[in-house]
N, C-alpha and C. Protein backbone atom coordinates (compact mmCIF):
# COMPACT_ATOMS: atom_id res chain seq x y z
N MET A 1 84.75 108.28 88.34
CA MET A 1 85.79 107.29 88.23
C MET A 1 85.28 105.97 88.80
N ALA A 2 85.45 104.91 88.04
CA ALA A 2 84.92 103.61 88.45
C ALA A 2 85.56 103.09 89.73
N THR A 3 86.84 103.37 89.94
CA THR A 3 87.51 102.83 91.12
C THR A 3 87.11 103.54 92.40
N SER A 4 86.44 104.65 92.31
CA SER A 4 86.11 105.40 93.52
C SER A 4 85.10 104.68 94.39
N LEU A 5 84.44 103.67 93.86
CA LEU A 5 83.39 103.01 94.61
C LEU A 5 83.73 101.60 95.07
N LYS A 6 84.92 101.08 94.73
CA LYS A 6 85.16 99.68 95.05
C LYS A 6 86.63 99.39 95.37
N SER A 7 86.78 98.24 96.04
CA SER A 7 88.12 97.72 96.28
C SER A 7 88.61 97.07 95.00
N LEU A 8 89.83 97.33 94.64
CA LEU A 8 90.40 96.73 93.44
C LEU A 8 90.98 95.35 93.70
N SER A 9 91.13 94.99 94.97
CA SER A 9 91.77 93.72 95.33
C SER A 9 90.74 92.63 95.60
N ASP A 10 89.82 92.46 94.69
CA ASP A 10 88.77 91.45 94.82
C ASP A 10 89.14 90.27 93.92
N PHE A 11 89.43 89.13 94.53
CA PHE A 11 89.82 87.95 93.78
C PHE A 11 88.73 86.89 93.75
N SER A 12 87.50 87.27 94.07
CA SER A 12 86.40 86.31 94.14
C SER A 12 86.11 85.69 92.78
N HIS A 13 86.47 86.35 91.71
CA HIS A 13 86.23 85.84 90.37
C HIS A 13 87.45 85.10 89.80
N THR A 14 88.50 84.98 90.60
CA THR A 14 89.77 84.45 90.13
C THR A 14 90.13 83.18 90.88
N GLU A 15 90.53 82.16 90.15
CA GLU A 15 91.03 80.96 90.80
C GLU A 15 92.54 81.12 90.99
N VAL A 16 92.95 81.20 92.23
CA VAL A 16 94.36 81.39 92.54
C VAL A 16 94.96 80.03 92.86
N PRO A 17 95.95 79.58 92.08
CA PRO A 17 96.57 78.29 92.36
C PRO A 17 97.40 78.33 93.65
N SER A 18 97.81 77.18 94.10
CA SER A 18 98.67 77.11 95.27
C SER A 18 100.04 77.71 94.95
N ALA A 19 100.55 78.49 95.87
CA ALA A 19 101.88 79.08 95.73
C ALA A 19 102.96 78.16 96.28
N ALA A 20 102.56 77.04 96.87
CA ALA A 20 103.50 76.15 97.57
C ALA A 20 104.69 75.69 96.73
N PRO A 21 104.52 75.36 95.45
CA PRO A 21 105.68 74.85 94.72
C PRO A 21 106.65 75.92 94.22
N PHE A 22 106.36 77.18 94.46
CA PHE A 22 107.12 78.25 93.82
C PHE A 22 107.97 79.05 94.80
N ARG A 23 109.01 79.70 94.22
CA ARG A 23 109.87 80.60 94.96
C ARG A 23 109.67 82.01 94.39
N PHE A 24 109.58 82.97 95.31
CA PHE A 24 109.29 84.34 94.91
C PHE A 24 110.35 85.30 95.42
N GLY A 25 110.67 86.27 94.60
CA GLY A 25 111.49 87.40 95.02
C GLY A 25 110.59 88.61 95.16
N ILE A 26 110.87 89.43 96.14
CA ILE A 26 110.16 90.70 96.30
C ILE A 26 111.21 91.79 96.42
N VAL A 27 111.06 92.82 95.59
CA VAL A 27 111.93 93.99 95.65
C VAL A 27 111.05 95.17 96.03
N THR A 28 111.39 95.83 97.13
CA THR A 28 110.57 96.93 97.63
C THR A 28 111.39 98.21 97.71
N ALA A 29 110.84 99.28 97.16
CA ALA A 29 111.49 100.60 97.23
C ALA A 29 111.33 101.18 98.62
N GLN A 30 112.38 101.81 99.12
CA GLN A 30 112.34 102.45 100.43
C GLN A 30 111.71 103.84 100.38
N TRP A 31 111.71 104.47 99.22
CA TRP A 31 111.12 105.79 99.10
C TRP A 31 109.61 105.65 99.27
N ASN A 32 108.98 106.55 100.01
CA ASN A 32 107.56 106.46 100.37
C ASN A 32 107.31 105.19 101.19
N VAL A 33 108.14 104.97 102.19
CA VAL A 33 108.17 103.71 102.96
C VAL A 33 106.85 103.40 103.65
N LYS A 34 106.10 104.40 104.05
CA LYS A 34 104.80 104.14 104.66
C LYS A 34 103.90 103.37 103.67
N ILE A 35 103.95 103.76 102.44
CA ILE A 35 103.15 103.12 101.39
C ILE A 35 103.77 101.79 100.98
N THR A 36 105.07 101.79 100.69
CA THR A 36 105.69 100.56 100.20
C THR A 36 105.72 99.48 101.28
N GLY A 37 105.82 99.88 102.54
CA GLY A 37 105.75 98.90 103.64
C GLY A 37 104.40 98.21 103.68
N ALA A 38 103.33 98.99 103.45
CA ALA A 38 101.99 98.40 103.41
C ALA A 38 101.83 97.49 102.20
N LEU A 39 102.42 97.87 101.07
CA LEU A 39 102.38 97.01 99.89
C LEU A 39 103.09 95.68 100.16
N LEU A 40 104.25 95.77 100.81
CA LEU A 40 105.00 94.56 101.16
C LEU A 40 104.20 93.67 102.09
N GLU A 41 103.58 94.25 103.10
CA GLU A 41 102.74 93.46 104.01
C GLU A 41 101.63 92.74 103.24
N GLY A 42 101.00 93.45 102.32
CA GLY A 42 99.94 92.85 101.51
C GLY A 42 100.45 91.71 100.65
N ALA A 43 101.62 91.90 100.04
CA ALA A 43 102.19 90.85 99.19
C ALA A 43 102.54 89.61 100.01
N LEU A 44 103.19 89.82 101.15
CA LEU A 44 103.55 88.68 102.00
C LEU A 44 102.31 87.94 102.49
N LYS A 45 101.29 88.67 102.86
CA LYS A 45 100.03 88.07 103.31
C LYS A 45 99.41 87.22 102.20
N ALA A 46 99.34 87.76 101.00
CA ALA A 46 98.74 87.03 99.88
C ALA A 46 99.55 85.78 99.54
N LEU A 47 100.86 85.90 99.55
CA LEU A 47 101.69 84.73 99.23
C LEU A 47 101.50 83.63 100.26
N THR A 48 101.61 83.97 101.54
CA THR A 48 101.52 82.93 102.57
C THR A 48 100.10 82.37 102.68
N GLU A 49 99.09 83.20 102.52
CA GLU A 49 97.72 82.70 102.57
C GLU A 49 97.41 81.75 101.41
N ASN A 50 98.18 81.85 100.34
CA ASN A 50 97.98 80.96 99.20
C ASN A 50 99.01 79.83 99.16
N GLY A 51 99.70 79.61 100.28
CA GLY A 51 100.54 78.42 100.41
C GLY A 51 102.03 78.59 100.24
N ALA A 52 102.50 79.81 99.97
CA ALA A 52 103.95 80.00 99.84
C ALA A 52 104.63 79.78 101.19
N LYS A 53 105.75 79.10 101.15
CA LYS A 53 106.54 78.89 102.36
C LYS A 53 107.44 80.11 102.57
N GLU A 54 107.55 80.53 103.83
CA GLU A 54 108.37 81.71 104.13
C GLU A 54 109.80 81.57 103.62
N GLU A 55 110.35 80.36 103.70
CA GLU A 55 111.72 80.15 103.23
C GLU A 55 111.85 80.24 101.71
N ASN A 56 110.72 80.28 101.00
CA ASN A 56 110.72 80.41 99.55
C ASN A 56 110.39 81.82 99.09
N ILE A 57 110.51 82.77 100.02
CA ILE A 57 110.28 84.18 99.69
C ILE A 57 111.56 84.94 100.04
N ILE A 58 112.15 85.55 99.05
CA ILE A 58 113.37 86.34 99.24
C ILE A 58 112.98 87.80 99.06
N SER A 59 113.19 88.60 100.08
CA SER A 59 112.79 90.00 100.05
C SER A 59 114.00 90.91 100.21
N ILE A 60 114.13 91.87 99.29
CA ILE A 60 115.20 92.86 99.39
C ILE A 60 114.59 94.26 99.25
N THR A 61 115.32 95.26 99.72
CA THR A 61 114.90 96.64 99.53
C THR A 61 115.92 97.37 98.68
N VAL A 62 115.43 98.36 97.97
CA VAL A 62 116.27 99.23 97.15
C VAL A 62 115.89 100.67 97.49
N PRO A 63 116.74 101.64 97.16
CA PRO A 63 116.46 103.01 97.56
C PRO A 63 115.13 103.58 97.04
N GLY A 64 114.87 103.46 95.76
CA GLY A 64 113.67 104.06 95.19
C GLY A 64 113.07 103.19 94.10
N SER A 65 112.00 103.67 93.50
CA SER A 65 111.30 102.88 92.48
C SER A 65 112.16 102.63 91.24
N TYR A 66 112.99 103.59 90.87
CA TYR A 66 113.84 103.38 89.69
C TYR A 66 114.81 102.21 89.91
N GLU A 67 115.25 102.03 91.14
CA GLU A 67 116.19 100.95 91.45
C GLU A 67 115.52 99.58 91.50
N LEU A 68 114.19 99.53 91.41
CA LEU A 68 113.51 98.24 91.31
C LEU A 68 114.01 97.45 90.11
N ILE A 69 114.38 98.17 89.06
CA ILE A 69 114.85 97.51 87.83
C ILE A 69 116.11 96.70 88.12
N SER A 70 117.13 97.33 88.67
CA SER A 70 118.37 96.59 88.93
C SER A 70 118.18 95.60 90.07
N GLY A 71 117.31 95.91 91.04
CA GLY A 71 117.03 94.96 92.11
C GLY A 71 116.43 93.67 91.57
N ALA A 72 115.46 93.80 90.67
CA ALA A 72 114.83 92.62 90.06
C ALA A 72 115.85 91.84 89.24
N ASP A 73 116.70 92.55 88.49
CA ASP A 73 117.72 91.89 87.68
C ASP A 73 118.72 91.15 88.57
N LEU A 74 119.15 91.78 89.67
CA LEU A 74 120.09 91.13 90.59
C LEU A 74 119.47 89.87 91.22
N LEU A 75 118.21 89.96 91.61
CA LEU A 75 117.53 88.79 92.19
C LEU A 75 117.47 87.65 91.18
N LEU A 76 117.06 87.95 89.96
CA LEU A 76 116.92 86.90 88.94
C LEU A 76 118.27 86.34 88.51
N THR A 77 119.30 87.14 88.59
CA THR A 77 120.64 86.67 88.23
C THR A 77 121.24 85.79 89.32
N ASN A 78 120.94 86.10 90.59
CA ASN A 78 121.62 85.45 91.71
C ASN A 78 120.79 84.45 92.50
N LYS A 79 119.49 84.41 92.29
CA LYS A 79 118.63 83.51 93.05
C LYS A 79 117.70 82.74 92.12
N ASP A 80 117.35 81.55 92.53
CA ASP A 80 116.44 80.72 91.76
C ASP A 80 115.01 81.03 92.21
N VAL A 81 114.37 81.95 91.50
CA VAL A 81 112.99 82.33 91.82
C VAL A 81 112.14 82.15 90.57
N ASP A 82 110.84 81.90 90.80
CA ASP A 82 109.91 81.72 89.69
C ASP A 82 109.32 83.04 89.22
N ALA A 83 109.26 84.02 90.10
CA ALA A 83 108.73 85.35 89.75
C ALA A 83 109.29 86.37 90.73
N VAL A 84 109.34 87.61 90.28
CA VAL A 84 109.77 88.72 91.13
C VAL A 84 108.64 89.75 91.18
N ILE A 85 108.30 90.15 92.38
CA ILE A 85 107.28 91.16 92.63
C ILE A 85 107.99 92.47 92.97
N CYS A 86 107.71 93.52 92.21
CA CYS A 86 108.36 94.80 92.43
C CYS A 86 107.33 95.78 93.00
N LEU A 87 107.66 96.35 94.17
CA LEU A 87 106.74 97.21 94.89
C LEU A 87 107.35 98.60 95.08
N GLY A 88 106.62 99.61 94.63
CA GLY A 88 107.10 100.97 94.77
C GLY A 88 105.94 101.94 94.74
N CYS A 89 106.27 103.21 94.92
CA CYS A 89 105.24 104.26 94.91
C CYS A 89 105.87 105.55 94.41
N VAL A 90 105.31 106.08 93.33
CA VAL A 90 105.75 107.35 92.78
C VAL A 90 104.54 108.29 92.81
N ILE A 91 104.69 109.40 93.51
CA ILE A 91 103.59 110.36 93.65
C ILE A 91 103.90 111.61 92.83
N GLN A 92 102.92 112.03 92.05
CA GLN A 92 103.07 113.19 91.16
C GLN A 92 103.57 114.40 91.93
N GLY A 93 104.52 115.09 91.35
CA GLY A 93 105.03 116.33 91.94
C GLY A 93 104.85 117.47 90.95
N ASP A 94 105.64 118.50 91.12
CA ASP A 94 105.51 119.70 90.29
C ASP A 94 106.39 119.67 89.04
N THR A 95 107.21 118.63 88.89
CA THR A 95 108.13 118.57 87.75
C THR A 95 107.87 117.31 86.93
N PRO A 96 108.47 117.20 85.76
CA PRO A 96 108.28 116.01 84.92
C PRO A 96 108.98 114.76 85.46
N HIS A 97 109.67 114.88 86.59
CA HIS A 97 110.37 113.74 87.20
C HIS A 97 109.44 112.52 87.28
N PHE A 98 108.20 112.72 87.70
CA PHE A 98 107.20 111.66 87.82
C PHE A 98 107.08 110.88 86.51
N ASP A 99 106.94 111.59 85.40
CA ASP A 99 106.75 110.94 84.10
C ASP A 99 107.97 110.11 83.70
N TYR A 100 109.15 110.67 83.91
CA TYR A 100 110.37 109.94 83.55
C TYR A 100 110.55 108.69 84.40
N ILE A 101 110.33 108.81 85.70
CA ILE A 101 110.49 107.66 86.59
C ILE A 101 109.47 106.58 86.26
N CYS A 102 108.21 106.94 86.16
CA CYS A 102 107.16 105.94 85.88
C CYS A 102 107.41 105.22 84.57
N SER A 103 107.73 105.95 83.54
CA SER A 103 107.99 105.35 82.23
C SER A 103 109.23 104.46 82.28
N GLY A 104 110.29 104.97 82.89
CA GLY A 104 111.52 104.20 82.98
C GLY A 104 111.35 102.91 83.75
N VAL A 105 110.63 102.97 84.86
CA VAL A 105 110.41 101.78 85.67
C VAL A 105 109.57 100.76 84.92
N ALA A 106 108.50 101.20 84.29
CA ALA A 106 107.64 100.28 83.54
C ALA A 106 108.42 99.58 82.43
N HIS A 107 109.14 100.34 81.65
CA HIS A 107 109.92 99.75 80.55
C HIS A 107 111.06 98.87 81.08
N GLY A 108 111.73 99.36 82.11
CA GLY A 108 112.86 98.61 82.66
C GLY A 108 112.44 97.26 83.23
N LEU A 109 111.34 97.24 83.98
CA LEU A 109 110.88 95.96 84.55
C LEU A 109 110.43 95.00 83.46
N ALA A 110 109.77 95.53 82.44
CA ALA A 110 109.38 94.67 81.31
C ALA A 110 110.62 94.06 80.67
N ASN A 111 111.66 94.84 80.49
CA ASN A 111 112.88 94.34 79.87
C ASN A 111 113.57 93.29 80.73
N VAL A 112 113.55 93.47 82.05
CA VAL A 112 114.16 92.47 82.94
C VAL A 112 113.41 91.14 82.81
N GLY A 113 112.09 91.20 82.78
CA GLY A 113 111.30 89.98 82.62
C GLY A 113 111.61 89.27 81.32
N ILE A 114 111.73 90.03 80.24
CA ILE A 114 112.06 89.44 78.94
C ILE A 114 113.47 88.85 78.96
N LYS A 115 114.41 89.58 79.53
CA LYS A 115 115.81 89.12 79.60
C LYS A 115 115.91 87.77 80.31
N HIS A 116 115.19 87.60 81.40
CA HIS A 116 115.31 86.39 82.22
C HIS A 116 114.22 85.36 81.92
N THR A 117 113.28 85.70 81.07
CA THR A 117 112.14 84.83 80.75
C THR A 117 111.43 84.38 82.02
N LYS A 118 111.19 85.33 82.89
CA LYS A 118 110.49 85.10 84.16
C LYS A 118 109.53 86.26 84.39
N PRO A 119 108.43 86.02 85.07
CA PRO A 119 107.51 87.11 85.38
C PRO A 119 108.13 88.12 86.34
N VAL A 120 108.09 89.38 85.96
CA VAL A 120 108.49 90.49 86.81
C VAL A 120 107.23 91.35 86.95
N ILE A 121 106.67 91.36 88.14
CA ILE A 121 105.36 91.94 88.37
C ILE A 121 105.46 93.41 88.78
N PHE A 122 104.70 94.24 88.11
CA PHE A 122 104.69 95.69 88.31
C PHE A 122 103.70 96.03 89.42
N GLY A 123 104.18 96.15 90.63
CA GLY A 123 103.36 96.54 91.77
C GLY A 123 103.74 97.94 92.22
N VAL A 124 103.82 98.85 91.28
CA VAL A 124 104.25 100.21 91.55
C VAL A 124 103.04 101.13 91.44
N LEU A 125 102.74 101.82 92.52
CA LEU A 125 101.67 102.81 92.50
C LEU A 125 102.18 104.07 91.83
N THR A 126 101.40 104.63 90.92
CA THR A 126 101.73 105.88 90.26
C THR A 126 100.52 106.79 90.44
N THR A 127 100.53 107.57 91.50
CA THR A 127 99.34 108.33 91.89
C THR A 127 99.58 109.83 91.86
N ASN A 128 98.48 110.55 91.88
CA ASN A 128 98.56 112.01 91.92
C ASN A 128 98.81 112.54 93.32
N THR A 129 98.33 111.79 94.34
CA THR A 129 98.43 112.27 95.72
C THR A 129 98.81 111.13 96.65
N GLU A 130 99.30 111.51 97.83
CA GLU A 130 99.60 110.51 98.85
C GLU A 130 98.33 109.79 99.30
N LEU A 131 97.22 110.50 99.37
CA LEU A 131 95.96 109.87 99.75
C LEU A 131 95.57 108.77 98.76
N GLN A 132 95.72 109.03 97.49
CA GLN A 132 95.42 107.99 96.49
C GLN A 132 96.32 106.77 96.71
N ALA A 133 97.57 106.99 97.03
CA ALA A 133 98.49 105.89 97.30
C ALA A 133 98.04 105.10 98.53
N GLU A 134 97.69 105.80 99.60
CA GLU A 134 97.23 105.14 100.82
C GLU A 134 95.98 104.30 100.55
N GLU A 135 95.08 104.82 99.72
CA GLU A 135 93.85 104.09 99.40
C GLU A 135 94.12 102.80 98.63
N ARG A 136 95.28 102.71 97.98
CA ARG A 136 95.65 101.53 97.19
C ARG A 136 96.70 100.67 97.88
N ALA A 137 97.06 101.03 99.10
CA ALA A 137 98.06 100.29 99.88
C ALA A 137 97.42 99.82 101.19
N GLY A 138 96.23 99.25 101.07
CA GLY A 138 95.52 98.75 102.24
C GLY A 138 94.31 99.57 102.62
N GLY A 139 94.02 100.60 101.86
CA GLY A 139 92.86 101.46 102.13
C GLY A 139 91.63 100.99 101.39
N LYS A 140 90.75 101.92 101.09
CA LYS A 140 89.44 101.57 100.53
C LYS A 140 89.50 100.92 99.15
N HIS A 141 90.62 101.04 98.44
CA HIS A 141 90.74 100.42 97.13
C HIS A 141 91.55 99.12 97.18
N GLY A 142 91.76 98.58 98.37
CA GLY A 142 92.48 97.32 98.49
C GLY A 142 93.97 97.53 98.65
N ASN A 143 94.73 96.53 98.25
CA ASN A 143 96.18 96.59 98.41
C ASN A 143 96.84 96.06 97.14
N LYS A 144 97.50 96.95 96.42
CA LYS A 144 98.17 96.60 95.17
C LYS A 144 99.26 95.55 95.41
N GLY A 145 99.82 95.49 96.62
CA GLY A 145 100.80 94.46 96.94
C GLY A 145 100.18 93.08 96.90
N GLU A 146 98.96 92.95 97.42
CA GLU A 146 98.23 91.68 97.33
C GLU A 146 97.98 91.30 95.88
N GLU A 147 97.54 92.28 95.09
CA GLU A 147 97.26 92.03 93.68
C GLU A 147 98.52 91.57 92.95
N ALA A 148 99.64 92.21 93.25
CA ALA A 148 100.90 91.84 92.60
C ALA A 148 101.31 90.41 92.98
N ALA A 149 101.11 90.05 94.24
CA ALA A 149 101.46 88.70 94.69
C ALA A 149 100.57 87.65 94.01
N VAL A 150 99.29 87.92 93.92
CA VAL A 150 98.39 86.97 93.25
C VAL A 150 98.78 86.83 91.77
N THR A 151 99.13 87.94 91.15
CA THR A 151 99.59 87.89 89.77
C THR A 151 100.84 87.03 89.64
N ALA A 152 101.77 87.18 90.58
CA ALA A 152 103.00 86.38 90.56
C ALA A 152 102.70 84.89 90.70
N ILE A 153 101.76 84.55 91.56
CA ILE A 153 101.38 83.14 91.74
C ILE A 153 100.79 82.59 90.44
N ILE A 154 99.86 83.32 89.87
CA ILE A 154 99.21 82.86 88.64
C ILE A 154 100.23 82.73 87.50
N MET A 155 101.10 83.71 87.36
CA MET A 155 102.11 83.66 86.29
C MET A 155 103.11 82.54 86.52
N SER A 156 103.46 82.26 87.77
CA SER A 156 104.35 81.13 88.06
C SER A 156 103.70 79.81 87.68
N GLU A 157 102.43 79.70 87.96
CA GLU A 157 101.69 78.48 87.59
C GLU A 157 101.62 78.33 86.07
N ILE A 158 101.38 79.41 85.37
CA ILE A 158 101.37 79.35 83.90
C ILE A 158 102.72 78.90 83.37
N GLY A 159 103.79 79.46 83.91
CA GLY A 159 105.14 79.06 83.51
C GLY A 159 105.39 77.59 83.76
N SER A 160 104.96 77.11 84.92
CA SER A 160 105.12 75.69 85.26
C SER A 160 104.35 74.79 84.30
N GLN A 161 103.11 75.17 83.99
CA GLN A 161 102.31 74.39 83.07
C GLN A 161 102.93 74.34 81.68
N LEU A 162 103.45 75.46 81.23
CA LEU A 162 104.08 75.51 79.91
C LEU A 162 105.34 74.64 79.85
N LYS A 163 106.13 74.65 80.92
CA LYS A 163 107.33 73.80 80.97
C LYS A 163 106.96 72.33 80.90
N GLN A 164 105.88 71.96 81.59
CA GLN A 164 105.45 70.56 81.63
C GLN A 164 104.87 70.10 80.30
N SER A 165 104.33 71.03 79.52
CA SER A 165 103.68 70.65 78.26
C SER A 165 104.64 70.55 77.09
N LEU A 166 105.88 70.94 77.29
CA LEU A 166 106.85 70.89 76.18
C LEU A 166 107.47 69.55 76.00
């Protein structure tokens, strides 16, 4: 597996614009809180290190990854944000529950983004084991929360550029 040898959170090849002009929403699932808390820390770190002001970051929690969908929709309906970062963790179990949740969350978040014409970033870990999740939440494979935040910054900048060019 290619990811077994490297951190996935390497942005050395990416130009990350300033986050200063943008407002961000973060929706974090409480289920698997050890993992999602680390993802949230990574996202907040990436946003602030790239210039986001703390007062321009709205963070809410929802019970589980499936509720990220309605959490993102509520944020976009009630707050003026340029992008929403959704952070969750679903770990494979013995039943098909994993497949239904992962599929539902992916499709649901995509639909929320389309509905609101705003970036809704999928920062949801879908792993086979808790160890794999830990490795992607600040471990040897980086932090998916950081990646999601950088994606939100870049997508917000793209949105801003497109608005200015019309």
